[in-house]
Amino acid sequence: MEYALITGGSRGIGRAVCLALARAGNPVIINYAGNHSAAAETQQAIAQQGGQAELLQFDVANPQAVDKAIETWQNAHPDDHIGILVNNAGIRDDAMMVFMQNEQWNSVIDTSLGGFFNVTRRLLKDMLTKRKGRIINIVSLSGLKGMPGQTNYSAAKAAVIGATKALAQEVAARKVTVNAIAPGFIATDMTQDLDQDSLKKLVPLGRFGKPEEVAALVEFLASDAAAYITGEVISINGGLYT
């Protein structure tokens, strides 16, 4: 069986992606770092809609933990493989750069950029051997436009965008596609501390996006219908920045 692994899959955009890919018929692996109850709730929601899901706990920023968890999964599934990878895990720790502490910089970079590297590298060989794979990186408007107070987050997401474009060219001959999705303001736990009333006025469509709208785009890019799309960064931001 071909599984889909979604990092940071327990909440927000990740949860919506897990549900969408499961509805599309993919068995899903829900990665989470620490919130087991949220991950289990997502797993239960997938089961209720008739899908199949497993939980896999590891911190994407920890390369040893990534290797151990995926190796354990592969040993338990000798006849299966992970053919769809959604690098969604990320954190915010906002501060103006003049006040930013080392840990604020390192933790955000290590999770978004380091996590992309740690997980993708571990799964890439299998995709190349099988001559099929879908890698979808969730980046951000911040990585395209840059956002004040988010130098760390903007840098991490911009780096993943560059890596997406480079990796897409490396693996295209083996029919592995690599794309990125850059959401704008999406109504999730990560944006609940923002002033939505003020920010909605900046968005031409006049609202925050829904996680399900991002998930629908992931579902398309993971499908056979998107086999000729690679190296792209697709914005989903209500017209805020194009």
C-alpha atoms as a PDB file:
ATOM      1  CA  MET A   1       0.000   0.000   0.000  1.00  0.00           C
ATOM      2  CA  GLU A   2       1.093   3.557  -0.689  1.00  0.00           C
ATOM      3  CA  TYR A   3       0.810   5.691   2.431  1.00  0.00           C
ATOM      4  CA  ALA A   4       0.746   9.463   2.872  1.00  0.00           C
ATOM      5  CA  LEU A   5       2.798  10.926   5.730  1.00  0.00           C
ATOM      6  CA  ILE A   6       1.729  14.326   7.003  1.00  0.00           C
ATOM      7  CA  THR A   7       4.059  15.994   9.497  1.00  0.00           C
ATOM      8  CA  GLY A   8       2.328  18.118  12.106  1.00  0.00           C
ATOM      9  CA  GLY A   9      -0.863  16.304  11.170  1.00  0.00           C
ATOM     10  CA  SER A  10      -2.811  16.540  14.402  1.00  0.00           C
ATOM     11  CA  ARG A  11      -4.242  20.060  14.127  1.00  0.00           C
ATOM     12  CA  GLY A  12      -5.004  22.946  11.786  1.00  0.00           C
ATOM     13  CA  ILE A  13      -3.916  22.605   8.170  1.00  0.00           C
ATOM     14  CA  GLY A  14      -2.234  19.272   8.906  1.00  0.00           C
ATOM     15  CA  ARG A  15      -5.451  17.773  10.286  1.00  0.00           C
ATOM     16  CA  ALA A  16      -7.438  18.994   7.282  1.00  0.00           C
ATOM     17  CA  VAL A  17      -4.826  17.485   4.948  1.00  0.00           C
ATOM     18  CA  CYS A  18      -4.988  14.126   6.739  1.00  0.00           C
ATOM     19  CA  LEU A  19      -8.773  14.052   6.379  1.00  0.00           C
ATOM     20  CA  ALA A  20      -8.684  15.088   2.715  1.00  0.00           C
ATOM     21  CA  LEU A  21      -6.041  12.554   1.686  1.00  0.00           C
ATOM     22  CA  ALA A  22      -7.837   9.792   3.588  1.00  0.00           C
ATOM     23  CA  ARG A  23     -11.109  10.652   1.806  1.00  0.00           C
ATOM     24  CA  ALA A  24      -9.207  10.372  -1.464  1.00  0.00           C
ATOM     25  CA  GLY A  25      -8.372   6.778  -0.580  1.00  0.00           C
ATOM     26  CA  ASN A  26      -4.867   7.117   0.825  1.00  0.00           C
ATOM     27  CA  PRO A  27      -3.920   5.372   4.055  1.00  0.00           C
ATOM     28  CA  VAL A  28      -2.533   8.158   6.210  1.00  0.00           C
ATOM     29  CA  ILE A  29       0.282   8.435   8.750  1.00  0.00           C
ATOM     30  CA  ILE A  30      -0.378  11.241  11.211  1.00  0.00           C
ATOM     31  CA  ASN A  31       2.867  12.616  12.593  1.00  0.00           C
ATOM     32  CA  TYR A  32       2.801  14.664  15.784  1.00  0.00           C
ATOM     33  CA  ALA A  33       5.405  15.906  18.232  1.00  0.00           C
ATOM     34  CA  GLY A  34       3.620  15.888  21.582  1.00  0.00           C
ATOM     35  CA  ASN A  35      -0.151  16.380  21.432  1.00  0.00           C
ATOM     36  CA  HIS A  36      -1.276  12.763  21.433  1.00  0.00           C
ATOM     37  CA  SER A  37      -4.926  13.549  22.186  1.00  0.00           C
ATOM     38  CA  ALA A  38      -5.249  15.822  19.144  1.00  0.00           C
ATOM     39  CA  ALA A  39      -3.552  13.239  16.917  1.00  0.00           C
ATOM     40  CA  ALA A  40      -5.818  10.474  18.227  1.00  0.00           C
ATOM     41  CA  GLU A  41      -8.861  12.675  17.605  1.00  0.00           C
ATOM     42  CA  THR A  42      -7.756  13.187  13.997  1.00  0.00           C
ATOM     43  CA  GLN A  43      -7.235   9.436  13.623  1.00  0.00           C
ATOM     44  CA  GLN A  44     -10.724   8.804  14.973  1.00  0.00           C
ATOM     45  CA  ALA A  45     -12.238  11.361  12.578  1.00  0.00           C
ATOM     46  CA  ILE A  46     -10.600   9.552   9.659  1.00  0.00           C
ATOM     47  CA  ALA A  47     -11.923   6.193  10.870  1.00  0.00           C
ATOM     48  CA  GLN A  48     -15.418   7.656  11.161  1.00  0.00           C
ATOM     49  CA  GLN A  49     -15.340   8.670   7.495  1.00  0.00           C
ATOM     50  CA  GLY A  50     -14.203   5.176   6.501  1.00  0.00           C
ATOM     51  CA  GLY A  51     -10.501   5.898   6.085  1.00  0.00           C
ATOM     52  CA  GLN A  52      -7.345   4.337   7.464  1.00  0.00           C
ATOM     53  CA  ALA A  53      -4.828   6.198   9.641  1.00  0.00           C
ATOM     54  CA  GLU A  54      -1.875   5.452  11.896  1.00  0.00           C
ATOM     55  CA  LEU A  55      -0.065   7.626  14.422  1.00  0.00           C
ATOM     56  CA  LEU A  56       3.689   8.196  14.302  1.00  0.00           C
ATOM     57  CA  GLN A  57       5.244  10.394  16.984  1.00  0.00           C
ATOM     58  CA  PHE A  58       8.530  12.183  16.389  1.00  0.00           C
ATOM     59  CA  ASP A  59       9.958  15.679  16.438  1.00  0.00           C
ATOM     60  CA  VAL A  60      10.844  16.630  12.847  1.00  0.00           C
ATOM     61  CA  ALA A  61      13.677  18.831  14.169  1.00  0.00           C
ATOM     62  CA  ASN A  62      15.425  15.809  15.674  1.00  0.00           C
ATOM     63  CA  PRO A  63      17.131  13.804  12.895  1.00  0.00           C
ATOM     64  CA  GLN A  64      17.792  10.778  15.110  1.00  0.00           C
ATOM     65  CA  ALA A  65      14.146  10.643  16.170  1.00  0.00           C
ATOM     66  CA  VAL A  66      13.017  10.944  12.556  1.00  0.00           C
ATOM     67  CA  ASP A  67      15.270   8.115  11.406  1.00  0.00           C
ATOM     68  CA  LYS A  68      14.261   5.824  14.256  1.00  0.00           C
ATOM     69  CA  ALA A  69      10.517   6.406  13.859  1.00  0.00           C
ATOM     70  CA  ILE A  70      10.460   5.925  10.097  1.00  0.00           C
ATOM     71  CA  GLU A  71      12.739   2.885  10.265  1.00  0.00           C
ATOM     72  CA  THR A  72      10.432   1.337  12.869  1.00  0.00           C
ATOM     73  CA  TRP A  73       7.405   2.009  10.655  1.00  0.00           C
ATOM     74  CA  GLN A  74       9.122   0.561   7.585  1.00  0.00           C
ATOM     75  CA  ASN A  75      10.135  -2.587   9.446  1.00  0.00           C
ATOM     76  CA  ALA A  76       6.522  -3.063  10.525  1.00  0.00           C
ATOM     77  CA  HIS A  77       5.282  -2.509   6.926  1.00  0.00           C
ATOM     78  CA  PRO A  78       7.688  -4.473   4.703  1.00  0.00           C
ATOM     79  CA  ASP A  79       5.228  -4.584   1.793  1.00  0.00           C
ATOM     80  CA  ASP A  80       4.163  -0.927   2.001  1.00  0.00           C
ATOM     81  CA  HIS A  81       5.830   2.398   1.283  1.00  0.00           C
ATOM     82  CA  ILE A  82       5.338   6.107   1.818  1.00  0.00           C
ATOM     83  CA  GLY A  83       4.700   7.647  -1.579  1.00  0.00           C
ATOM     84  CA  ILE A  84       3.199  10.983  -0.501  1.00  0.00           C
ATOM     85  CA  LEU A  85       4.949  13.315   1.927  1.00  0.00           C
ATOM     86  CA  VAL A  86       3.401  16.552   3.166  1.00  0.00           C
ATOM     87  CA  ASN A  87       5.945  18.617   5.091  1.00  0.00           C
ATOM     88  CA  ASN A  88       3.545  20.657   7.167  1.00  0.00           C
ATOM     89  CA  ALA A  89       5.164  20.836  10.620  1.00  0.00           C
ATOM     90  CA  GLY A  90       6.180  24.348  11.608  1.00  0.00           C
ATOM     91  CA  ILE A  91       6.158  26.744  14.527  1.00  0.00           C
ATOM     92  CA  ARG A  92       6.027  30.502  15.028  1.00  0.00           C
ATOM     93  CA  ASP A  93       7.956  32.411  17.665  1.00  0.00           C
ATOM     94  CA  ASP A  94       7.570  36.022  16.620  1.00  0.00           C
ATOM     95  CA  ALA A  95       9.768  38.906  17.713  1.00  0.00           C
ATOM     96  CA  MET A  96      11.400  41.922  16.168  1.00  0.00           C
ATOM     97  CA  MET A  97      14.883  40.837  15.170  1.00  0.00           C
ATOM     98  CA  VAL A  98      16.593  43.343  17.468  1.00  0.00           C
ATOM     99  CA  PHE A  99      14.970  41.521  20.408  1.00  0.00           C
ATOM    100  CA  MET A 100      15.090  37.979  19.023  1.00  0.00           C
ATOM    101  CA  GLN A 101      16.874  35.373  21.112  1.00  0.00           C
ATOM    102  CA  ASN A 102      19.041  32.573  19.739  1.00  0.00           C
ATOM    103  CA  GLU A 103      16.493  29.937  20.677  1.00  0.00           C
ATOM    104  CA  GLN A 104      13.694  31.794  18.886  1.00  0.00           C
ATOM    105  CA  TRP A 105      15.737  31.792  15.697  1.00  0.00           C
ATOM    106  CA  ASN A 106      17.048  28.232  15.967  1.00  0.00           C
ATOM    107  CA  SER A 107      13.806  26.515  16.962  1.00  0.00           C
ATOM    108  CA  VAL A 108      11.834  27.986  14.060  1.00  0.00           C
ATOM    109  CA  ILE A 109      14.577  27.252  11.514  1.00  0.00           C
ATOM    110  CA  ASP A 110      15.152  23.738  12.875  1.00  0.00           C
ATOM    111  CA  THR A 111      11.462  22.815  12.709  1.00  0.00           C
ATOM    112  CA  SER A 112      10.493  24.194   9.288  1.00  0.00           C
ATOM    113  CA  LEU A 113      13.753  23.922   7.335  1.00  0.00           C
ATOM    114  CA  GLY A 114      15.493  21.203   9.337  1.00  0.00           C
ATOM    115  CA  GLY A 115      12.276  19.199   9.488  1.00  0.00           C
ATOM    116  CA  PHE A 116      11.905  19.356   5.719  1.00  0.00           C
ATOM    117  CA  PHE A 117      15.452  18.034   5.303  1.00  0.00           C
ATOM    118  CA  ASN A 118      15.285  15.362   7.996  1.00  0.00           C
ATOM    119  CA  VAL A 119      12.049  13.758   6.804  1.00  0.00           C
ATOM    120  CA  THR A 120      12.397  14.229   3.050  1.00  0.00           C
ATOM    121  CA  ARG A 121      15.923  12.819   2.907  1.00  0.00           C
ATOM    122  CA  ARG A 122      14.782   9.725   4.807  1.00  0.00           C
ATOM    123  CA  LEU A 123      11.930   8.948   2.375  1.00  0.00           C
ATOM    124  CA  LEU A 124      13.395  10.126  -0.910  1.00  0.00           C
ATOM    125  CA  LYS A 125      15.415   7.033  -1.822  1.00  0.00           C
ATOM    126  CA  ASP A 126      12.335   4.818  -1.750  1.00  0.00           C
ATOM    127  CA  MET A 127      10.414   7.225  -3.993  1.00  0.00           C
ATOM    128  CA  LEU A 128      13.281   7.362  -6.468  1.00  0.00           C
ATOM    129  CA  THR A 129      13.585   3.569  -6.517  1.00  0.00           C
ATOM    130  CA  LYS A 130       9.872   3.165  -7.184  1.00  0.00           C
ATOM    131  CA  ARG A 131       9.920   6.006  -9.748  1.00  0.00           C
ATOM    132  CA  LYS A 132       6.923   7.712  -8.181  1.00  0.00           C
ATOM    133  CA  GLY A 133       6.436  10.191  -5.383  1.00  0.00           C
ATOM    134  CA  ARG A 134       4.746  13.371  -4.297  1.00  0.00           C
ATOM    135  CA  ILE A 135       6.447  15.836  -1.946  1.00  0.00           C
ATOM    136  CA  ILE A 136       4.342  18.825  -0.928  1.00  0.00           C
ATOM    137  CA  ASN A 137       5.822  21.489   1.318  1.00  0.00           C
ATOM    138  CA  ILE A 138       3.568  23.853   3.255  1.00  0.00           C
ATOM    139  CA  VAL A 139       5.363  27.188   3.261  1.00  0.00           C
ATOM    140  CA  SER A 140       3.834  30.625   3.815  1.00  0.00           C
ATOM    141  CA  LEU A 141       3.065  34.071   2.512  1.00  0.00           C
ATOM    142  CA  SER A 142       5.827  35.089   4.934  1.00  0.00           C
ATOM    143  CA  GLY A 143       8.352  33.172   2.851  1.00  0.00           C
ATOM    144  CA  LEU A 144       7.371  35.070  -0.298  1.00  0.00           C
ATOM    145  CA  LYS A 145       6.662  38.552   0.981  1.00  0.00           C
ATOM    146  CA  GLY A 146       8.460  38.641   4.316  1.00  0.00           C
ATOM    147  CA  MET A 147       6.584  39.751   7.407  1.00  0.00           C
ATOM    148  CA  PRO A 148       7.869  42.156  10.070  1.00  0.00           C
ATOM    149  CA  GLY A 149       8.277  40.416  13.405  1.00  0.00           C
ATOM    150  CA  GLN A 150       8.785  37.109  11.610  1.00  0.00           C
ATOM    151  CA  THR A 151      12.358  37.271  10.356  1.00  0.00           C
ATOM    152  CA  ASN A 152      12.952  33.729  11.621  1.00  0.00           C
ATOM    153  CA  TYR A 153       9.721  32.301  10.165  1.00  0.00           C
ATOM    154  CA  SER A 154      10.120  34.188   6.875  1.00  0.00           C
ATOM    155  CA  ALA A 155      13.703  32.960   6.535  1.00  0.00           C
ATOM    156  CA  ALA A 156      12.721  29.344   7.220  1.00  0.00           C
ATOM    157  CA  LYS A 157       9.848  29.310   4.752  1.00  0.00           C
ATOM    158  CA  ALA A 158      11.828  31.158   2.056  1.00  0.00           C
ATOM    159  CA  ALA A 159      14.569  28.545   2.426  1.00  0.00           C
ATOM    160  CA  VAL A 160      12.078  25.706   1.954  1.00  0.00           C
ATOM    161  CA  ILE A 161      10.815  27.445  -1.193  1.00  0.00           C
ATOM    162  CA  GLY A 162      14.352  27.483  -2.587  1.00  0.00           C
ATOM    163  CA  ALA A 163      14.842  23.852  -1.607  1.00  0.00           C
ATOM    164  CA  THR A 164      11.565  22.921  -3.295  1.00  0.00           C
ATOM    165  CA  LYS A 165      12.694  24.390  -6.606  1.00  0.00           C
ATOM    166  CA  ALA A 166      16.128  22.747  -6.427  1.00  0.00           C
ATOM    167  CA  LEU A 167      14.906  19.313  -5.350  1.00  0.00           C
ATOM    168  CA  ALA A 168      12.197  19.293  -8.011  1.00  0.00           C
ATOM    169  CA  GLN A 169      14.905  19.462 -10.673  1.00  0.00           C
ATOM    170  CA  GLU A 170      17.002  16.764  -8.996  1.00  0.00           C
ATOM    171  CA  VAL A 171      14.255  14.139  -8.895  1.00  0.00           C
ATOM    172  CA  ALA A 172      12.019  14.897 -11.884  1.00  0.00           C
ATOM    173  CA  ALA A 173      13.614  12.240 -14.087  1.00  0.00           C
ATOM    174  CA  ARG A 174      12.432   9.637 -11.570  1.00  0.00           C
ATOM    175  CA  LYS A 175       8.844  10.932 -11.744  1.00  0.00           C
ATOM    176  CA  VAL A 176       8.905  12.419  -8.249  1.00  0.00           C
ATOM    177  CA  THR A 177       7.287  15.838  -8.050  1.00  0.00           C
ATOM    178  CA  VAL A 178       8.090  18.497  -5.456  1.00  0.00           C
ATOM    179  CA  ASN A 179       5.831  21.503  -4.940  1.00  0.00           C
ATOM    180  CA  ALA A 180       5.096  24.085  -2.277  1.00  0.00           C
ATOM    181  CA  ILE A 181       1.877  25.701  -1.106  1.00  0.00           C
ATOM    182  CA  ALA A 182       2.077  29.183   0.398  1.00  0.00           C
ATOM    183  CA  PRO A 183      -0.998  29.949   2.516  1.00  0.00           C
ATOM    184  CA  GLY A 184      -1.818  33.461   3.616  1.00  0.00           C
ATOM    185  CA  PHE A 185      -3.992  34.006   6.676  1.00  0.00           C
ATOM    186  CA  ILE A 186      -5.682  30.688   7.482  1.00  0.00           C
ATOM    187  CA  ALA A 187      -7.958  30.270  10.497  1.00  0.00           C
ATOM    188  CA  THR A 188      -6.012  27.791  12.668  1.00  0.00           C
ATOM    189  CA  ASP A 189      -4.460  27.566  16.120  1.00  0.00           C
ATOM    190  CA  MET A 190      -1.336  29.210  14.707  1.00  0.00           C
ATOM    191  CA  THR A 191      -3.223  32.379  13.773  1.00  0.00           C
ATOM    192  CA  GLN A 192      -5.681  32.591  16.654  1.00  0.00           C
ATOM    193  CA  ASP A 193      -3.549  35.221  18.413  1.00  0.00           C
ATOM    194  CA  LEU A 194      -3.721  37.580  15.417  1.00  0.00           C
ATOM    195  CA  ASP A 195      -6.140  40.501  15.087  1.00  0.00           C
ATOM    196  CA  GLN A 196      -8.403  38.924  12.506  1.00  0.00           C
ATOM    197  CA  ASP A 197     -10.771  41.882  12.200  1.00  0.00           C
ATOM    198  CA  SER A 198      -7.940  44.201  11.177  1.00  0.00           C
ATOM    199  CA  LEU A 199      -6.131  41.695   8.983  1.00  0.00           C
ATOM    200  CA  LYS A 200      -9.257  40.670   7.070  1.00  0.00           C
ATOM    201  CA  LYS A 201      -9.430  44.219   5.745  1.00  0.00           C
ATOM    202  CA  LEU A 202      -6.109  43.642   3.970  1.00  0.00           C
ATOM    203  CA  VAL A 203      -7.409  40.569   2.131  1.00  0.00           C
ATOM    204  CA  PRO A 204      -9.273  41.289  -1.124  1.00  0.00           C
ATOM    205  CA  LEU A 205     -11.652  38.377  -0.457  1.00  0.00           C
ATOM    206  CA  GLY A 206     -12.319  39.861   2.978  1.00  0.00           C
ATOM    207  CA  ARG A 207     -11.777  36.791   5.146  1.00  0.00           C
ATOM    208  CA  PHE A 208      -9.255  34.301   6.489  1.00  0.00           C
ATOM    209  CA  GLY A 209      -8.944  31.056   4.562  1.00  0.00           C
ATOM    210  CA  LYS A 210     -10.094  27.674   5.795  1.00  0.00           C
ATOM    211  CA  PRO A 211      -7.729  24.744   6.416  1.00  0.00           C
ATOM    212  CA  GLU A 212      -9.936  22.658   4.143  1.00  0.00           C
ATOM    213  CA  GLU A 213      -9.198  25.010   1.244  1.00  0.00           C
ATOM    214  CA  VAL A 214      -5.480  24.399   1.633  1.00  0.00           C
ATOM    215  CA  ALA A 215      -6.105  20.666   2.014  1.00  0.00           C
ATOM    216  CA  ALA A 216      -8.013  20.563  -1.283  1.00  0.00           C
ATOM    217  CA  LEU A 217      -4.951  21.925  -3.062  1.00  0.00           C
ATOM    218  CA  VAL A 218      -2.720  19.358  -1.347  1.00  0.00           C
ATOM    219  CA  GLU A 219      -5.089  16.605  -2.438  1.00  0.00           C
ATOM    220  CA  PHE A 220      -4.830  17.735  -6.062  1.00  0.00           C
ATOM    221  CA  LEU A 221      -1.023  17.997  -6.022  1.00  0.00           C
ATOM    222  CA  ALA A 222      -0.823  14.506  -4.499  1.00  0.00           C
ATOM    223  CA  SER A 223      -2.986  13.031  -7.244  1.00  0.00           C
ATOM    224  CA  ASP A 224      -2.076  11.548 -10.613  1.00  0.00           C
ATOM    225  CA  ALA A 225      -3.766  14.550 -12.251  1.00  0.00           C
ATOM    226  CA  ALA A 226      -0.876  16.749 -11.054  1.00  0.00           C
ATOM    227  CA  ALA A 227       1.907  14.580 -12.501  1.00  0.00           C
ATOM    228  CA  TYR A 228       3.151  17.396 -14.794  1.00  0.00           C
ATOM    229  CA  ILE A 229       3.352  20.027 -12.051  1.00  0.00           C
ATOM    230  CA  THR A 230       6.665  20.300 -10.210  1.00  0.00           C
ATOM    231  CA  GLY A 231       8.898  22.995  -8.772  1.00  0.00           C
ATOM    232  CA  GLU A 232       5.926  25.305  -8.264  1.00  0.00           C
ATOM    233  CA  VAL A 233       4.973  27.527  -5.345  1.00  0.00           C
ATOM    234  CA  ILE A 234       1.206  28.005  -5.323  1.00  0.00           C
ATOM    235  CA  SER A 235      -0.235  30.803  -3.212  1.00  0.00           C
ATOM    236  CA  ILE A 236      -3.600  30.510  -1.479  1.00  0.00           C
ATOM    237  CA  ASN A 237      -4.165  33.855   0.203  1.00  0.00           C
ATOM    238  CA  GLY A 238      -7.445  35.415  -0.915  1.00  0.00           C
ATOM    239  CA  GLY A 239      -5.597  37.814  -3.236  1.00  0.00           C
ATOM    240  CA  LEU A 240      -3.529  39.381  -0.453  1.00  0.00           C
ATOM    241  CA  TYR A 241      -0.219  38.928  -2.283  1.00  0.00           C
ATOM    242  CA  THR A 242       0.226  37.668  -5.814  1.00  0.00           C
END
